[in-house]
C-alpha cells in the first residue's frame, strides 16, 4: 500500500544483488562480452521489510533475461526507509540520477511526476492487457497514458484482532460513539484498545486520508478542489482530531519510540485490540504470528454511519524513468512483474491483492472483510492529496501527539504546505 513520508536526509540502503565483479563499461551501464551483453539496472523500492521476496524475484528475472535474451543483468536494489524515500527520489530525479525503475504512490505522485516528464509511457506494454480494469485509472496520467504498473491495491481503515473482539462480545463500530463504547469495554477488560507506533511520520499521517477521504464524501465534497484553489482550510477537517485524540488517549505507551516493524510485532502478539494501519503490513504481522486472526474495518469519524467507509487505494506502483539508458531491460523488468508463470507466487508471498487477470491465488481473509464494505457501497477512493501535505501532516501530528503543537498550529501547517504546493504546481 504502501507509500507517505517526511522530508529527511538518509543513507540509502543499497543491496547489490549481482555477484562481485567490475561494473566498468560504457556510460549507459552496458558492457559487451563474448557471451552477450551485461546491463546494470537500478531499482528503487521503499519496502525494506519485504527485501527477501524482492531478492528472490529479481534473481528469477535475471535468470529469465539470461536464458531468453542472453543479457547478464546486475540489479542494484535500493530500499530506503519509507519516511525518507520521497525526498531521496525527488533529489535523484532533479539531479539527473534517476533509478531505471522506481516505486511511487499512484494516487499522490503520478500526477506531478508525469507532468514533470519523469515517467515513461507504458501504454503499449504487454502487462497492460493483463491488468484488471478497476486498477487502470489509478496508474493513468492526465493525458490518458499508463505510466506505471501497480503493485499494491489496498482496502483499508484499521486492523483489529478478531479473536479479542469475539472474546469480548464486541461488534465492529459504525459510529464514533460506538467506537468510544468499544474502547471502554476493552479497558474494562484490561485490554489496551489501540497500538500506537509514531516513530515513522508516515504512520500518524494515515489519519489524514482516512478523515479527508470520508468527509469529502459527505459535507465537504469540494474540499480538495477548494484547497487546490487556495480557498479552503483544514479547519473544515477538525474531525481529524476527534479520532486522533480518542486513539491516543487509549493506546500503548512510548508511541514515538515505536516504528512500523515493532508495531507489527506488538500487534501480532496481542498487545492491543486495534491498530490504525493498513493490510500492507500483513506479511510482517504474520511473520511474527502466523496464527493471528485479524480483520480490516472502516474508521468511524463521526456519528453518521453513512460516513464510515473503507478507503480504496492503489499505492505502491513501479514506473520506468523516461531518461533510463537501459530502457529495454527496465521494460522487461516491469513486464516481468506480471509474468504469466511467476507473478502469482510473488504477489501472494508479499501478501498483496490480486491486480491482474493472471493472478490465480485466493484472496486473503482481510481482503474479503474489506470487500464486504465495498460491495455495500461503503467505500471511497483515496483522496488525491499532495505528497508535500501528507509529509507535513505526519510531522505535525507527531508534534501534536508530543504536545509541541496545538490543533490550530497543525491546521496552519497543513494549510501552508498546500499553498506552497500550489505555488510550485500551478
Protein backbone atom coordinates (compact mmCIF):
# COMPACT_ATOMS: atom_id res chain seq x y z
CA UNK A 1 0.00 0.00 0.00
CA UNK A 2 2.27 1.07 0.85
CA UNK A 3 3.74 4.71 0.18
CA UNK A 4 3.63 8.75 2.61
CA UNK A 5 6.52 10.23 4.42
CA UNK A 6 8.55 13.06 5.92
CA UNK A 7 11.36 15.03 4.35
CA UNK A 8 14.60 13.96 5.92
CA UNK A 9 18.12 13.12 4.95
CA UNK A 10 19.04 9.45 4.95
CA UNK A 11 21.60 6.94 3.93
CA UNK A 12 20.35 4.68 1.18
CA UNK A 13 20.14 1.01 1.99
CA UNK A 14 21.70 -0.42 -1.16
CA UNK A 15 22.00 -4.08 -1.90
CA UNK A 16 23.93 -5.26 -4.91
CA UNK A 17 22.24 -8.47 -5.90
CA UNK A 18 24.70 -9.44 -8.58
CA UNK A 19 27.96 -11.19 -7.78
CA UNK A 20 31.12 -9.22 -7.21
CA UNK A 21 32.92 -8.02 -10.25
CA UNK A 22 33.75 -4.97 -12.27
CA UNK A 23 30.90 -2.76 -13.46
CA UNK A 24 33.24 -0.64 -15.54
CA UNK A 25 31.96 -0.23 -19.04
CA UNK A 26 30.14 2.24 -21.19
CA UNK A 27 28.41 5.29 -19.73
CA UNK A 28 24.99 3.70 -20.08
CA UNK A 29 25.86 0.78 -17.80
CA UNK A 30 26.16 -1.77 -20.59
CA UNK A 31 29.06 -3.99 -21.50
CA UNK A 32 29.61 -6.29 -24.42
CA UNK A 33 31.20 -9.67 -23.89
CA UNK A 34 31.71 -12.84 -25.87
CA UNK A 35 28.78 -14.40 -24.06
CA UNK A 36 26.39 -11.46 -24.63
CA UNK A 37 25.72 -8.07 -23.06
CA UNK A 38 25.81 -7.04 -19.42
CA UNK A 39 23.42 -4.39 -18.10
CA UNK A 40 23.33 -2.68 -14.72
CA UNK A 41 19.77 -1.88 -13.63
CA UNK A 42 18.95 0.40 -10.72
CA UNK A 43 15.66 -0.38 -8.94
CA UNK A 44 14.30 1.84 -6.15
CA UNK A 45 11.57 0.48 -3.85
CA UNK A 46 10.92 1.78 -0.32
CA UNK A 47 9.81 -1.53 1.18
CA UNK A 48 12.85 -2.85 3.05
CA UNK A 49 10.70 -5.17 5.17
CA UNK A 50 9.94 -7.16 2.00
CA UNK A 51 13.52 -7.38 0.78
CA UNK A 52 13.76 -11.18 0.79
CA UNK A 53 10.83 -11.50 -1.60
CA UNK A 54 12.18 -8.87 -3.97
CA UNK A 55 15.61 -10.53 -3.85
CA UNK A 56 14.13 -13.84 -4.91
CA UNK A 57 12.01 -12.37 -7.69
CA UNK A 58 14.90 -10.33 -9.05
CA UNK A 59 17.03 -13.46 -9.23
CA UNK A 60 14.26 -15.13 -11.24
CA UNK A 61 14.13 -12.12 -13.57
CA UNK A 62 17.89 -12.22 -14.09
CA UNK A 63 17.72 -15.90 -15.00
CA UNK A 64 14.92 -15.23 -17.48
CA UNK A 65 16.81 -12.38 -19.19
CA UNK A 66 19.90 -14.54 -19.47
CA UNK A 67 18.00 -17.52 -20.86
CA UNK A 68 15.81 -15.63 -23.30
CA UNK A 69 17.96 -12.67 -24.37
CA UNK A 70 21.49 -13.60 -23.30
CA UNK A 71 21.65 -10.46 -21.17
CA UNK A 72 23.50 -10.56 -17.88
CA UNK A 73 21.62 -8.17 -15.60
CA UNK A 74 23.26 -6.72 -12.50
CA UNK A 75 20.47 -5.31 -10.35
CA UNK A 76 21.19 -2.68 -7.73
CA UNK A 77 18.19 -2.66 -5.42
CA UNK A 78 17.84 0.44 -3.25
CA UNK A 79 15.39 0.11 -0.38
CA UNK A 80 15.38 3.28 1.72
CA UNK A 81 13.03 3.68 4.71
CA UNK A 82 9.55 4.81 3.79
CA UNK A 83 9.86 8.13 5.64
CA UNK A 84 12.86 9.21 3.58
CA UNK A 85 12.10 7.73 0.19
CA UNK A 86 10.05 10.58 -1.36
CA UNK A 87 12.72 13.21 -0.80
CA UNK A 88 15.53 10.87 -1.85
CA UNK A 89 13.71 10.06 -5.07
CA UNK A 90 12.94 13.72 -5.83
CA UNK A 91 16.59 14.59 -5.30
CA UNK A 92 17.71 11.79 -7.59
CA UNK A 93 15.28 12.83 -10.33
CA UNK A 94 16.21 16.51 -10.07
CA UNK A 95 19.93 15.73 -10.31
CA UNK A 96 19.58 13.50 -13.40
CA UNK A 97 20.46 10.42 -11.36
CA UNK A 98 17.12 8.68 -11.72
CA UNK A 99 16.84 4.95 -10.99
CA UNK A 100 15.86 2.96 -14.07
CA UNK A 101 12.79 1.61 -12.25
CA UNK A 102 11.34 3.28 -9.18
CA UNK A 103 8.33 2.95 -6.91
CA UNK A 104 5.90 5.80 -6.39
CA UNK A 105 2.47 6.26 -4.85
CA UNK A 106 -0.02 6.07 -7.69
CA UNK A 107 -2.67 8.48 -6.39
CA UNK A 108 -0.37 11.13 -4.94
CA UNK A 109 2.75 11.05 -7.08
CA UNK A 110 1.81 10.07 -10.62
CA UNK A 111 0.18 13.47 -11.46
CA UNK A 112 3.19 15.70 -10.59
CA UNK A 113 5.84 13.20 -11.72
CA UNK A 114 4.17 12.66 -15.07
CA UNK A 115 3.64 16.39 -15.58
CA UNK A 116 7.36 16.91 -14.94
CA UNK A 117 8.23 14.37 -17.64
CA UNK A 118 9.90 11.80 -15.39
CA UNK A 119 7.72 8.82 -16.37
CA UNK A 120 8.00 6.62 -19.44
CA UNK A 121 4.78 5.95 -21.35
CA UNK A 122 3.95 2.27 -20.70
CA UNK A 123 0.62 2.20 -22.51
CA UNK A 124 1.81 -0.22 -25.18
CA UNK A 125 3.49 -2.70 -22.83
CA UNK A 126 2.24 -6.31 -22.63
CA UNK A 127 1.34 -6.07 -18.93
CA UNK A 128 -1.40 -3.52 -19.61
CA UNK A 129 -3.83 -6.04 -21.10
CA UNK A 130 -3.38 -8.27 -18.06
CA UNK A 131 -4.47 -5.62 -15.54
CA UNK A 132 -7.92 -5.65 -14.01
CA UNK A 133 -9.93 -2.73 -15.39
CA UNK A 134 -10.56 -1.46 -11.86
CA UNK A 135 -6.89 -0.59 -11.27
CA UNK A 136 -6.07 1.05 -14.60
CA UNK A 137 -7.41 4.56 -13.79
CA UNK A 138 -5.06 4.94 -10.82
CA UNK A 139 -1.92 4.46 -12.94
CA UNK A 140 -3.14 6.58 -15.85
CA UNK A 141 -1.94 10.18 -16.12
CA UNK A 142 -3.86 13.31 -17.12
CA UNK A 143 -3.12 12.67 -20.80
CA UNK A 144 -4.57 9.16 -20.67
CA UNK A 145 -1.20 7.35 -20.69
CA UNK A 146 -0.48 4.41 -18.43
CA UNK A 147 2.76 5.35 -16.72
CA UNK A 148 3.23 2.71 -14.01
CA UNK A 149 2.46 -0.87 -13.08
CA UNK A 150 0.61 -1.27 -9.79
CA UNK A 151 1.93 -3.47 -7.02
CA UNK A 152 -0.35 -2.69 -4.10
CA UNK A 153 -4.06 -2.12 -4.27
CA UNK A 154 -5.44 -1.83 -0.76
CA UNK A 155 -8.75 -1.55 1.03
CA UNK A 156 -8.03 -0.21 4.47
CA UNK A 157 -9.13 1.66 7.57
CA UNK A 158 -7.75 0.00 10.69
CA UNK A 159 -6.73 -3.51 11.70
CA UNK A 160 -8.45 -5.30 14.57
CA UNK A 161 -7.83 -8.53 16.44
CA UNK A 162 -10.87 -10.68 15.64
CA UNK A 163 -10.25 -13.08 18.50
CA UNK A 164 -10.19 -10.26 21.07
CA UNK A 165 -13.38 -8.78 19.64
CA UNK A 166 -15.11 -12.17 19.73
CA UNK A 167 -13.93 -12.98 23.25
CA UNK A 168 -15.25 -9.64 24.49
CA UNK A 169 -18.51 -9.86 22.56
CA UNK A 170 -17.71 -6.76 20.52
CA UNK A 171 -19.12 -5.73 17.15
CA UNK A 172 -17.18 -3.57 14.69
CA UNK A 173 -18.31 0.01 15.48
CA UNK A 174 -20.10 2.05 12.81
CA UNK A 175 -20.05 5.44 14.57
CA UNK A 176 -17.63 7.39 16.75
CA UNK A 177 -19.92 6.89 19.76
CA UNK A 178 -19.90 3.15 19.19
CA UNK A 179 -16.11 3.22 18.90
CA UNK A 180 -15.92 5.00 22.27
CA UNK A 181 -18.11 2.25 23.77
CA UNK A 182 -15.80 -0.43 22.33
CA UNK A 183 -12.83 1.37 23.84
CA UNK A 184 -14.45 1.44 27.29
CA UNK A 185 -15.36 -2.26 27.17
CA UNK A 186 -11.80 -3.16 26.20
CA UNK A 187 -10.36 -1.04 29.01
CA UNK A 188 -12.74 -2.63 31.50
CA UNK A 189 -11.31 -5.99 30.46
CA UNK A 190 -7.74 -4.66 30.93
CA UNK A 191 -7.10 -4.76 27.18
CA UNK A 192 -5.33 -1.83 25.53
CA UNK A 193 -7.61 -0.59 22.73
CA UNK A 194 -5.01 0.79 20.26
CA UNK A 195 -1.46 0.01 19.22
CA UNK A 196 0.48 3.28 18.74
CA UNK A 197 3.59 3.49 16.56
CA UNK A 198 4.52 7.02 15.55
CA UNK A 199 8.30 6.82 15.29
CA UNK A 200 7.95 6.99 11.50
CA UNK A 201 5.97 10.06 10.45
CA UNK A 202 4.12 8.30 7.64
CA UNK A 203 2.12 6.30 10.21
CA UNK A 204 0.35 9.16 12.03
CA UNK A 205 -0.06 10.64 8.55
CA UNK A 206 -2.56 7.85 7.86
CA UNK A 207 -5.19 9.75 9.83
CA UNK A 208 -5.20 12.39 7.08
CA UNK A 209 -6.51 10.32 4.13
CA UNK A 210 -8.89 8.46 6.45
CA UNK A 211 -10.59 11.63 7.63
CA UNK A 212 -10.34 13.71 4.46
CA UNK A 213 -11.44 10.76 2.34
CA UNK A 214 -14.53 10.12 4.43
CA UNK A 215 -15.54 13.76 4.90
CA UNK A 216 -15.20 14.61 1.20
CA UNK A 217 -17.91 12.02 0.60
CA UNK A 218 -20.34 13.95 2.78
CA UNK A 219 -20.42 17.57 3.93
CA UNK A 220 -17.10 18.64 2.43
CA UNK A 221 -17.25 17.27 -1.10
CA UNK A 222 -15.43 20.26 -2.58
CA UNK A 223 -12.63 20.34 0.00
CA UNK A 224 -9.80 19.18 -2.29
CA UNK A 225 -10.92 21.47 -5.11
CA UNK A 226 -11.08 24.45 -2.74
CA UNK A 227 -7.65 23.69 -1.34
CA UNK A 228 -6.20 23.44 -4.83
CA UNK A 229 -7.55 26.96 -5.45
CA UNK A 230 -6.24 28.38 -2.15
CA UNK A 231 -9.83 28.84 -0.96
CA UNK A 232 -10.12 26.19 1.75
CA UNK A 233 -8.67 25.33 5.14
CA UNK A 234 -8.08 22.26 7.24
CA UNK A 235 -10.26 23.92 9.84
CA UNK A 236 -13.04 22.07 7.95
CA UNK A 237 -11.34 18.77 8.85
CA UNK A 238 -11.37 19.01 12.63
CA UNK A 239 -12.82 15.50 12.78
CA UNK A 240 -9.19 14.52 12.31
CA UNK A 241 -8.56 15.49 15.93
CA UNK A 242 -11.66 13.73 17.27
CA UNK A 243 -10.46 10.30 16.21
CA UNK A 244 -6.75 11.06 16.70
CA UNK A 245 -7.39 12.18 20.31
CA UNK A 246 -9.54 9.12 21.03
CA UNK A 247 -6.89 6.75 19.75
CA UNK A 248 -4.02 8.46 21.56
CA UNK A 249 -5.84 8.60 24.88
CA UNK A 250 -6.35 4.84 24.76
CA UNK A 251 -3.18 3.48 23.21
CA UNK A 252 0.09 1.81 24.06
CA UNK A 253 2.98 3.72 25.60
CA UNK A 254 6.02 5.38 24.01
CA UNK A 255 4.49 5.74 20.55
CA UNK A 256 7.30 7.96 19.28
CA UNK A 257 9.77 5.18 20.03
CA UNK A 258 7.87 2.50 18.10
CA UNK A 259 8.12 2.11 14.32
CA UNK A 260 6.13 0.06 11.87
CA UNK A 261 8.02 -3.20 12.27
CA UNK A 262 7.92 -3.04 16.07
CA UNK A 263 4.26 -2.10 15.89
CA UNK A 264 3.58 -5.12 13.70
CA UNK A 265 5.28 -7.45 16.17
CA UNK A 266 3.41 -5.90 19.09
CA UNK A 267 0.02 -6.09 17.37
CA UNK A 268 0.78 -9.68 16.35
CA UNK A 269 1.45 -10.53 20.00
CA UNK A 270 -1.96 -9.20 21.08
CA UNK A 271 -0.65 -6.08 22.83
CA UNK A 272 -3.68 -4.11 21.65
CA UNK A 273 -7.02 -4.81 20.00
CA UNK A 274 -6.73 -2.32 17.14
CA UNK A 275 -4.08 -0.57 15.07
CA UNK A 276 -4.62 2.38 12.72
CA UNK A 277 -2.75 0.73 9.89
CA UNK A 278 -3.32 -0.94 6.54
CA UNK A 279 -3.01 -4.57 5.47
CA UNK A 280 0.23 -3.73 3.66
CA UNK A 281 1.83 -4.85 6.92
CA UNK A 282 0.17 -8.27 6.73
CA UNK A 283 3.33 -10.10 5.71
CA UNK A 284 5.28 -8.60 8.62
CA UNK A 285 2.49 -9.24 11.12
CA UNK A 286 2.03 -12.86 10.11
CA UNK A 287 5.77 -13.45 10.16
CA UNK A 288 5.61 -12.65 13.90
CA UNK A 289 2.42 -14.63 14.49
CA UNK A 290 1.17 -16.80 11.60
CA UNK A 291 -1.96 -17.68 13.60
CA UNK A 292 -3.13 -14.13 14.26
CA UNK A 293 -6.76 -13.72 13.23
CA UNK A 294 -7.06 -10.07 12.22
CA UNK A 295 -9.52 -8.13 10.09
CA UNK A 296 -9.90 -4.80 8.32
CA UNK A 297 -12.65 -2.31 9.19
CA UNK A 298 -13.53 1.29 8.27
CA UNK A 299 -12.69 4.02 10.77
CA UNK A 300 -15.68 5.93 12.18
CA UNK A 301 -15.03 9.69 12.17
CA UNK A 302 -18.40 10.97 13.41
CA UNK A 303 -21.83 9.70 14.41
CA UNK A 304 -23.17 9.30 10.89
CA UNK A 305 -22.77 5.61 9.98
CA UNK A 306 -23.05 6.55 6.30
CA UNK A 307 -19.68 8.30 6.60
CA UNK A 308 -17.95 5.18 7.93
CA UNK A 309 -16.34 3.78 4.80
CA UNK A 310 -13.35 1.79 3.60
CA UNK A 311 -10.51 3.61 1.83
CA UNK A 312 -9.75 2.18 -1.63
CA UNK A 313 -6.31 2.95 -2.98
CA UNK A 314 -3.65 1.94 -5.43
CA UNK A 315 -0.45 2.84 -3.67
CA UNK A 316 2.99 1.40 -4.46
CA UNK A 317 3.48 1.22 -8.22
CA UNK A 318 6.57 0.85 -10.40
CA UNK A 319 7.49 3.38 -13.08
CA UNK A 320 10.27 3.43 -15.65
CA UNK A 321 12.39 6.56 -15.84
CA UNK A 322 11.95 8.39 -19.11
CA UNK A 323 15.70 9.08 -19.01
CA UNK A 324 16.79 5.49 -18.39
CA UNK A 325 19.72 4.40 -20.54
CA UNK A 326 18.75 0.77 -20.07
CA UNK A 327 15.15 1.12 -21.10
CA UNK A 328 14.82 -2.25 -22.84
CA UNK A 329 15.78 -4.16 -19.70
CA UNK A 330 13.79 -1.79 -17.48
CA UNK A 331 10.69 -2.50 -19.56
CA UNK A 332 11.41 -6.21 -19.39
CA UNK A 333 11.55 -5.90 -15.61
CA UNK A 334 8.19 -4.15 -15.17
CA UNK A 335 6.57 -6.63 -17.55
CA UNK A 336 8.03 -9.47 -15.51
CA UNK A 337 6.11 -8.14 -12.51
CA UNK A 338 3.05 -9.65 -14.23
CA UNK A 339 4.80 -12.71 -15.64
CA UNK A 340 2.23 -15.37 -16.52
CA UNK A 341 4.18 -18.08 -14.69
CA UNK A 342 5.82 -16.37 -11.71
CA UNK A 343 3.71 -13.32 -10.77
CA UNK A 344 1.02 -15.04 -8.70
CA UNK A 345 3.53 -16.60 -6.32
CA UNK A 346 5.31 -13.23 -5.96
CA UNK A 347 2.16 -11.28 -5.11
CA UNK A 348 0.95 -14.00 -2.76
CA UNK A 349 4.29 -14.03 -0.89
CA UNK A 350 4.11 -10.25 -0.49
CA UNK A 351 0.52 -10.60 0.79
CA UNK A 352 -0.63 -8.16 -1.91
CA UNK A 353 -4.06 -8.23 -3.52
CA UNK A 354 -4.61 -9.75 -6.96
CA UNK A 355 -4.41 -6.93 -9.52
CA UNK A 356 -4.34 -8.84 -12.81
CA UNK A 357 -6.36 -11.40 -14.74
CA UNK A 358 -3.48 -13.85 -14.49
CA UNK A 359 -3.47 -13.85 -10.69
CA UNK A 360 -4.94 -17.12 -9.51
CA UNK A 361 -4.20 -17.12 -5.79
CA UNK A 362 -7.03 -16.98 -3.26
CA UNK A 363 -7.84 -13.62 -1.70
CA UNK A 364 -6.71 -13.19 1.89
CA UNK A 365 -9.34 -13.07 4.68
CA UNK A 366 -8.78 -9.37 5.36
CA UNK A 367 -9.39 -8.64 1.68
CA UNK A 368 -12.75 -10.38 1.96
CA UNK A 369 -13.53 -8.29 5.05
CA UNK A 370 -12.95 -5.06 3.17
CA UNK A 371 -14.74 -6.29 0.04
CA UNK A 372 -17.92 -6.68 2.06
CA UNK A 373 -17.98 -2.92 2.62
CA UNK A 374 -17.09 -2.20 -0.99
CA UNK A 375 -19.94 -4.37 -2.26
CA UNK A 376 -22.33 -2.46 0.00
CA UNK A 377 -21.16 0.87 -1.42
CA UNK A 378 -19.40 1.79 1.82
CA UNK A 379 -16.09 2.78 0.26
CA UNK A 380 -14.36 5.82 -1.19
CA UNK A 381 -11.34 6.34 -3.39
CA UNK A 382 -8.19 7.50 -1.65
CA UNK A 383 -8.28 11.32 -1.84
CA UNK A 384 -5.74 12.99 -4.11
CA UNK A 385 -3.67 14.89 -1.57
CA UNK A 386 -0.31 16.49 -2.42
CA UNK A 387 2.55 14.39 -1.10
CA UNK A 388 4.03 17.51 0.50
CA UNK A 389 0.86 17.94 2.56
CA UNK A 390 0.90 14.31 3.65
CA UNK A 391 4.55 14.64 4.61
CA UNK A 392 3.76 17.73 6.66
CA UNK A 393 0.80 16.06 8.35
CA UNK A 394 2.99 13.23 9.60
CA UNK A 395 5.45 15.61 11.22
CA UNK A 396 2.70 17.89 12.54
CA UNK A 397 0.78 15.03 14.15
CA UNK A 398 3.96 13.76 15.75
CA UNK A 399 4.32 17.27 17.20
CA UNK A 400 0.67 17.32 18.27
CA UNK A 401 0.98 13.93 19.95
CA UNK A 402 4.04 15.06 21.89
CA UNK A 403 2.38 18.32 22.96
CA UNK A 404 4.68 20.57 20.93
CA UNK A 405 1.86 21.76 18.64
CA UNK A 406 -1.79 22.53 19.30
CA UNK A 407 -4.68 21.93 16.91
CA UNK A 408 -4.55 25.35 15.32
CA UNK A 409 -0.83 25.07 14.70
CA UNK A 410 -1.36 21.73 12.95
CA UNK A 411 -4.12 23.28 10.81
CA UNK A 412 -1.91 26.26 9.94
CA UNK A 413 0.99 23.98 8.98
CA UNK A 414 -1.17 21.90 6.66
CA UNK A 415 -2.78 24.95 5.05
CA UNK A 416 0.67 26.46 4.46
CA UNK A 417 2.03 23.22 2.95
CA UNK A 418 -0.87 23.03 0.48
CA UNK A 419 -0.49 26.66 -0.56
CA UNK A 420 3.24 26.14 -1.09
CA UNK A 421 2.44 23.13 -3.25
CA UNK A 422 0.01 25.18 -5.30
CA UNK A 423 2.61 27.86 -5.99
CA UNK A 424 5.01 25.32 -7.45
CA UNK A 425 2.49 23.25 -9.38
CA UNK A 426 0.18 25.83 -10.94
